[in-house]
């Protein structure tokens, strides 16, 4: 401070430096936290079981199948479960409708 009690230019620059160091520390903490989250996301993706090739979507109550889907179909509901190729074929031949979006009947060679 100068003789009049007003901050000098040097005082203001040192204040600015403290503010910027605080901002830099906060930014570095954000980076560390984001790197931790990204590492956890990658671990989760690696630990996730592979997506099934075929899905059977069950109706309410899980009683009757309502659709056959190709694995990964965006229209498959939460009541879908992974099945093998033979189960998907059997479902289609027994009258379970094929999803009109992913067309498992075409993928399985039942239709061209």
N, C-alpha and C. Protein backbone atom coordinates (compact mmCIF):
# COMPACT_ATOMS: atom_id res chain seq x y z
N UNK A 1 0.84 -1.17 0.00
CA UNK A 1 0.00 0.00 0.00
C UNK A 1 0.89 1.24 0.00
N UNK A 2 0.39 2.26 -0.63
CA UNK A 2 1.17 3.49 -0.66
C UNK A 2 0.83 4.35 0.56
N UNK A 3 1.39 5.52 0.61
CA UNK A 3 1.22 6.41 1.77
C UNK A 3 -0.24 6.79 1.99
N UNK A 4 -1.05 6.82 0.94
CA UNK A 4 -2.46 7.23 1.10
C UNK A 4 -3.35 6.06 1.52
N UNK A 5 -2.77 4.85 1.65
CA UNK A 5 -3.55 3.69 2.05
C UNK A 5 -4.20 2.96 0.90
N UNK A 6 -4.06 3.47 -0.30
CA UNK A 6 -4.62 2.82 -1.48
C UNK A 6 -3.67 1.72 -1.93
N UNK A 7 -4.22 0.63 -2.42
CA UNK A 7 -3.33 -0.45 -2.90
C UNK A 7 -2.51 0.02 -4.10
N UNK A 8 -1.28 -0.46 -4.13
CA UNK A 8 -0.42 -0.13 -5.27
C UNK A 8 -0.71 -1.10 -6.39
N UNK A 9 -0.17 -0.79 -7.52
CA UNK A 9 -0.29 -1.69 -8.67
C UNK A 9 0.28 -3.06 -8.33
N UNK A 10 1.40 -3.09 -7.62
CA UNK A 10 2.02 -4.35 -7.21
C UNK A 10 1.09 -5.12 -6.27
N UNK A 11 0.44 -4.44 -5.33
CA UNK A 11 -0.52 -5.10 -4.43
C UNK A 11 -1.66 -5.75 -5.23
N UNK A 12 -2.17 -5.01 -6.22
CA UNK A 12 -3.26 -5.54 -7.03
C UNK A 12 -2.81 -6.74 -7.86
N UNK A 13 -1.57 -6.69 -8.38
CA UNK A 13 -1.06 -7.83 -9.15
C UNK A 13 -0.86 -9.05 -8.26
N UNK A 14 -0.40 -8.87 -7.05
CA UNK A 14 -0.23 -10.01 -6.13
C UNK A 14 -1.60 -10.60 -5.75
N UNK A 15 -2.59 -9.73 -5.55
CA UNK A 15 -3.96 -10.21 -5.30
C UNK A 15 -4.47 -11.03 -6.48
N UNK A 16 -4.26 -10.50 -7.68
CA UNK A 16 -4.68 -11.22 -8.88
C UNK A 16 -3.99 -12.57 -8.98
N UNK A 17 -2.73 -12.59 -8.63
CA UNK A 17 -1.97 -13.85 -8.67
C UNK A 17 -2.60 -14.87 -7.71
N UNK A 18 -2.96 -14.46 -6.48
CA UNK A 18 -3.58 -15.38 -5.51
C UNK A 18 -4.91 -15.91 -6.04
N UNK A 19 -5.70 -15.03 -6.65
CA UNK A 19 -6.99 -15.45 -7.22
C UNK A 19 -6.76 -16.46 -8.33
N UNK A 20 -5.81 -16.18 -9.20
CA UNK A 20 -5.55 -17.09 -10.32
C UNK A 20 -4.98 -18.42 -9.84
N UNK A 21 -4.14 -18.41 -8.82
CA UNK A 21 -3.62 -19.67 -8.27
C UNK A 21 -4.76 -20.49 -7.67
N UNK A 22 -5.69 -19.81 -7.00
CA UNK A 22 -6.86 -20.52 -6.48
C UNK A 22 -7.69 -21.13 -7.60
N UNK A 23 -7.88 -20.37 -8.68
CA UNK A 23 -8.61 -20.89 -9.84
C UNK A 23 -7.88 -22.08 -10.45
N UNK A 24 -6.56 -21.99 -10.55
CA UNK A 24 -5.78 -23.09 -11.12
C UNK A 24 -5.88 -24.34 -10.25
N UNK A 25 -5.79 -24.16 -8.92
CA UNK A 25 -5.94 -25.32 -8.02
C UNK A 25 -7.31 -25.97 -8.19
N UNK A 26 -8.35 -25.17 -8.28
CA UNK A 26 -9.70 -25.71 -8.45
C UNK A 26 -9.81 -26.44 -9.79
N UNK A 27 -9.27 -25.87 -10.84
CA UNK A 27 -9.30 -26.51 -12.16
C UNK A 27 -8.56 -27.84 -12.12
N UNK A 28 -7.43 -27.88 -11.45
CA UNK A 28 -6.67 -29.14 -11.34
C UNK A 28 -7.45 -30.19 -10.56
N UNK A 29 -8.17 -29.78 -9.52
CA UNK A 29 -9.02 -30.74 -8.78
C UNK A 29 -10.12 -31.28 -9.68
N UNK A 30 -10.71 -30.40 -10.49
CA UNK A 30 -11.75 -30.84 -11.44
C UNK A 30 -11.17 -31.84 -12.44
N UNK A 31 -9.96 -31.60 -12.90
CA UNK A 31 -9.31 -32.51 -13.86
C UNK A 31 -9.09 -33.87 -13.21
N UNK A 32 -8.58 -33.89 -11.98
CA UNK A 32 -8.34 -35.16 -11.28
C UNK A 32 -9.66 -35.92 -11.10
N UNK A 33 -10.71 -35.21 -10.71
CA UNK A 33 -12.01 -35.86 -10.52
C UNK A 33 -12.54 -36.42 -11.84
N UNK A 34 -12.39 -35.67 -12.92
CA UNK A 34 -12.87 -36.14 -14.22
C UNK A 34 -12.06 -37.33 -14.71
N UNK A 35 -10.75 -37.31 -14.48
CA UNK A 35 -9.92 -38.47 -14.86
C UNK A 35 -10.34 -39.70 -14.07
N UNK A 36 -10.68 -39.54 -12.80
CA UNK A 36 -11.15 -40.67 -11.99
C UNK A 36 -12.47 -41.21 -12.54
N UNK A 37 -13.40 -40.29 -12.88
CA UNK A 37 -14.69 -40.75 -13.45
C UNK A 37 -14.49 -41.47 -14.78
N UNK A 38 -13.60 -40.94 -15.61
CA UNK A 38 -13.34 -41.58 -16.91
C UNK A 38 -12.73 -42.97 -16.73
N UNK A 39 -11.82 -43.11 -15.78
CA UNK A 39 -11.22 -44.42 -15.49
C UNK A 39 -12.30 -45.40 -15.04
N UNK A 40 -13.20 -44.93 -14.18
CA UNK A 40 -14.30 -45.80 -13.71
C UNK A 40 -15.22 -46.18 -14.86
N UNK A 41 -15.51 -45.23 -15.76
CA UNK A 41 -16.36 -45.55 -16.93
C UNK A 41 -15.69 -46.62 -17.80
N UNK A 42 -14.39 -46.47 -18.01
CA UNK A 42 -13.68 -47.44 -18.85
C UNK A 42 -13.66 -48.81 -18.19
N UNK A 43 -13.44 -48.86 -16.89
CA UNK A 43 -13.46 -50.15 -16.17
C UNK A 43 -14.84 -50.80 -16.29
N UNK A 44 -15.89 -49.99 -16.13
CA UNK A 44 -17.25 -50.52 -16.25
C UNK A 44 -17.52 -51.07 -17.64
N UNK A 45 -17.06 -50.36 -18.66
CA UNK A 45 -17.27 -50.82 -20.04
C UNK A 45 -16.52 -52.12 -20.29
N UNK A 46 -15.32 -52.25 -19.74
CA UNK A 46 -14.53 -53.47 -19.95
C UNK A 46 -15.12 -54.64 -19.18
N UNK A 47 -15.73 -54.37 -18.02
CA UNK A 47 -16.28 -55.45 -17.20
C UNK A 47 -17.67 -55.88 -17.66
N UNK A 48 -18.29 -55.07 -18.51
CA UNK A 48 -19.64 -55.36 -18.98
C UNK A 48 -19.62 -56.61 -19.86
N UNK A 49 -20.56 -57.53 -19.64
CA UNK A 49 -20.60 -58.71 -20.51
C UNK A 49 -20.92 -58.31 -21.95
N UNK A 50 -20.50 -59.13 -22.90
CA UNK A 50 -20.79 -58.79 -24.30
C UNK A 50 -22.30 -58.79 -24.56
N UNK A 51 -22.68 -57.94 -25.49
CA UNK A 51 -24.09 -57.84 -25.86
C UNK A 51 -24.52 -59.13 -26.55
N UNK A 52 -25.71 -59.66 -26.21
CA UNK A 52 -26.16 -60.88 -26.88
C UNK A 52 -26.47 -60.61 -28.35
N UNK A 53 -26.36 -61.65 -29.16
CA UNK A 53 -26.66 -61.52 -30.59
C UNK A 53 -28.16 -61.40 -30.85
N UNK A 54 -28.97 -62.01 -29.97
CA UNK A 54 -30.42 -62.05 -30.17
C UNK A 54 -31.11 -61.79 -28.85
N UNK A 55 -32.30 -61.23 -28.93
CA UNK A 55 -33.10 -60.94 -27.73
C UNK A 55 -34.53 -61.42 -27.93
N UNK A 56 -35.11 -61.86 -26.83
CA UNK A 56 -36.55 -62.14 -26.80
C UNK A 56 -37.13 -61.16 -25.79
N UNK A 57 -38.09 -60.37 -26.22
CA UNK A 57 -38.75 -59.42 -25.33
C UNK A 57 -40.01 -60.08 -24.79
N UNK A 58 -40.13 -60.08 -23.48
CA UNK A 58 -41.27 -60.72 -22.83
C UNK A 58 -42.36 -59.69 -22.55
N UNK A 59 -43.60 -60.17 -22.48
CA UNK A 59 -44.72 -59.30 -22.17
C UNK A 59 -44.79 -58.99 -20.68
N UNK A 60 -45.78 -58.23 -20.30
CA UNK A 60 -45.96 -57.92 -18.89
C UNK A 60 -46.09 -59.19 -18.08
N UNK A 61 -45.47 -59.21 -16.94
CA UNK A 61 -45.50 -60.41 -16.11
C UNK A 61 -44.50 -61.46 -16.56
N UNK A 62 -43.81 -61.23 -17.67
CA UNK A 62 -42.79 -62.15 -18.15
C UNK A 62 -43.31 -63.48 -18.65
N UNK A 63 -44.58 -63.54 -19.00
CA UNK A 63 -45.17 -64.82 -19.40
C UNK A 63 -44.91 -65.18 -20.86
N UNK A 64 -45.39 -64.33 -21.74
CA UNK A 64 -45.33 -64.67 -23.16
C UNK A 64 -44.35 -63.76 -23.88
N UNK A 65 -43.58 -64.33 -24.82
CA UNK A 65 -42.70 -63.47 -25.62
C UNK A 65 -43.53 -62.62 -26.58
N UNK A 66 -43.10 -61.36 -26.75
CA UNK A 66 -43.85 -60.47 -27.64
C UNK A 66 -43.06 -60.08 -28.88
N UNK A 67 -41.74 -60.11 -28.82
CA UNK A 67 -40.91 -59.78 -29.99
C UNK A 67 -39.59 -60.51 -29.93
N UNK A 68 -39.05 -60.77 -31.11
CA UNK A 68 -37.67 -61.22 -31.25
C UNK A 68 -36.90 -60.03 -31.82
N UNK A 69 -35.72 -59.76 -31.26
CA UNK A 69 -34.89 -58.63 -31.69
C UNK A 69 -33.48 -59.11 -32.01
N UNK A 70 -32.79 -58.34 -32.84
CA UNK A 70 -31.34 -58.48 -32.99
C UNK A 70 -30.73 -57.83 -31.75
N UNK A 71 -29.67 -58.42 -31.21
CA UNK A 71 -29.01 -57.84 -30.04
C UNK A 71 -28.64 -56.39 -30.30
N UNK A 72 -28.89 -55.53 -29.31
CA UNK A 72 -28.57 -54.12 -29.46
C UNK A 72 -29.66 -53.29 -30.10
N UNK A 73 -30.78 -53.90 -30.43
CA UNK A 73 -31.88 -53.14 -31.04
C UNK A 73 -32.35 -52.05 -30.08
N UNK A 74 -32.47 -50.85 -30.60
CA UNK A 74 -32.89 -49.73 -29.75
C UNK A 74 -34.36 -49.83 -29.33
N UNK A 75 -35.10 -50.68 -29.97
CA UNK A 75 -36.52 -50.82 -29.63
C UNK A 75 -36.78 -51.93 -28.60
N UNK A 76 -35.76 -52.71 -28.27
CA UNK A 76 -35.93 -53.78 -27.30
C UNK A 76 -36.24 -53.18 -25.93
N UNK A 77 -37.27 -53.68 -25.30
CA UNK A 77 -37.68 -53.17 -24.00
C UNK A 77 -36.86 -53.74 -22.86
N UNK A 78 -37.15 -53.25 -21.67
CA UNK A 78 -36.41 -53.68 -20.48
C UNK A 78 -36.69 -55.13 -20.11
N UNK A 79 -37.75 -55.69 -20.63
CA UNK A 79 -38.08 -57.08 -20.32
C UNK A 79 -37.47 -58.04 -21.33
N UNK A 80 -36.40 -57.61 -22.00
CA UNK A 80 -35.74 -58.45 -22.99
C UNK A 80 -34.62 -59.24 -22.33
N UNK A 81 -34.39 -60.43 -22.87
CA UNK A 81 -33.29 -61.25 -22.37
C UNK A 81 -32.53 -61.83 -23.56
N UNK A 82 -31.25 -62.03 -23.36
CA UNK A 82 -30.42 -62.58 -24.42
C UNK A 82 -30.72 -64.04 -24.66
N UNK A 83 -30.74 -64.42 -25.93
CA UNK A 83 -30.95 -65.82 -26.31
C UNK A 83 -29.96 -66.17 -27.41
N UNK A 84 -29.78 -67.47 -27.63
CA UNK A 84 -28.89 -67.88 -28.72
C UNK A 84 -29.66 -67.92 -30.04
N UNK A 85 -28.96 -68.18 -31.10
CA UNK A 85 -29.55 -68.19 -32.44
C UNK A 85 -30.71 -69.17 -32.55
N UNK A 86 -30.54 -70.37 -32.01
CA UNK A 86 -31.59 -71.39 -32.10
C UNK A 86 -32.87 -70.96 -31.38
N UNK A 87 -32.72 -70.33 -30.22
CA UNK A 87 -33.90 -69.86 -29.49
C UNK A 87 -34.60 -68.74 -30.26
N UNK A 88 -33.84 -67.86 -30.87
CA UNK A 88 -34.44 -66.79 -31.66
C UNK A 88 -35.18 -67.37 -32.86
N UNK A 89 -34.57 -68.32 -33.56
CA UNK A 89 -35.24 -68.97 -34.69
C UNK A 89 -36.51 -69.68 -34.25
N UNK A 90 -36.41 -70.40 -33.14
CA UNK A 90 -37.56 -71.14 -32.64
C UNK A 90 -38.69 -70.16 -32.30
N UNK A 91 -38.36 -69.04 -31.66
CA UNK A 91 -39.39 -68.05 -31.35
C UNK A 91 -40.10 -67.56 -32.60
N UNK A 92 -39.33 -67.25 -33.64
CA UNK A 92 -39.94 -66.77 -34.89
C UNK A 92 -40.80 -67.84 -35.54
N UNK A 93 -40.31 -69.08 -35.56
CA UNK A 93 -41.10 -70.15 -36.19
C UNK A 93 -42.34 -70.51 -35.38
N UNK A 94 -42.32 -70.20 -34.08
CA UNK A 94 -43.48 -70.47 -33.23
C UNK A 94 -44.44 -69.29 -33.17
N UNK A 95 -44.19 -68.26 -33.99
CA UNK A 95 -45.14 -67.17 -34.10
C UNK A 95 -44.84 -65.91 -33.31
N UNK A 96 -43.69 -65.85 -32.67
CA UNK A 96 -43.33 -64.61 -31.98
C UNK A 96 -42.97 -63.59 -33.07
N UNK A 97 -43.59 -62.43 -33.06
CA UNK A 97 -43.32 -61.45 -34.12
C UNK A 97 -41.87 -60.95 -34.11
N UNK A 98 -41.37 -60.69 -35.31
CA UNK A 98 -40.05 -60.08 -35.45
C UNK A 98 -40.19 -58.57 -35.29
N UNK A 99 -39.23 -57.97 -34.63
CA UNK A 99 -39.22 -56.52 -34.50
C UNK A 99 -39.16 -55.91 -35.91
N UNK A 100 -39.98 -54.92 -36.15
CA UNK A 100 -40.01 -54.30 -37.48
C UNK A 100 -38.87 -53.30 -37.68
N UNK A 101 -38.12 -53.02 -36.63
CA UNK A 101 -37.01 -52.07 -36.74
C UNK A 101 -35.70 -52.78 -37.04
N UNK A 102 -35.42 -53.86 -36.32
CA UNK A 102 -34.12 -54.53 -36.51
C UNK A 102 -34.20 -55.76 -37.42
N UNK A 103 -35.39 -56.23 -37.71
CA UNK A 103 -35.65 -57.32 -38.64
C UNK A 103 -34.80 -58.58 -38.37
N UNK A 104 -34.98 -59.22 -37.22
CA UNK A 104 -34.21 -60.43 -36.94
C UNK A 104 -34.53 -61.57 -37.90
N UNK A 105 -35.73 -61.57 -38.46
CA UNK A 105 -36.07 -62.64 -39.41
C UNK A 105 -35.17 -62.56 -40.64
N UNK A 106 -34.86 -61.35 -41.08
CA UNK A 106 -33.95 -61.17 -42.22
C UNK A 106 -32.54 -61.55 -41.82
N UNK A 107 -32.12 -61.10 -40.65
CA UNK A 107 -30.76 -61.39 -40.17
C UNK A 107 -30.55 -62.91 -40.00
N UNK A 108 -31.60 -63.61 -39.63
CA UNK A 108 -31.50 -65.05 -39.42
C UNK A 108 -31.70 -65.84 -40.72
N UNK A 109 -31.94 -65.13 -41.80
CA UNK A 109 -32.08 -65.80 -43.09
C UNK A 109 -33.45 -66.38 -43.35
N UNK A 110 -34.45 -65.97 -42.57
CA UNK A 110 -35.79 -66.49 -42.79
C UNK A 110 -36.50 -65.74 -43.91
N UNK A 111 -36.14 -64.47 -44.13
CA UNK A 111 -36.70 -63.66 -45.20
C UNK A 111 -35.57 -62.99 -45.94
N UNK A 112 -35.79 -62.68 -47.19
CA UNK A 112 -34.78 -61.96 -47.96
C UNK A 112 -35.28 -60.59 -48.32
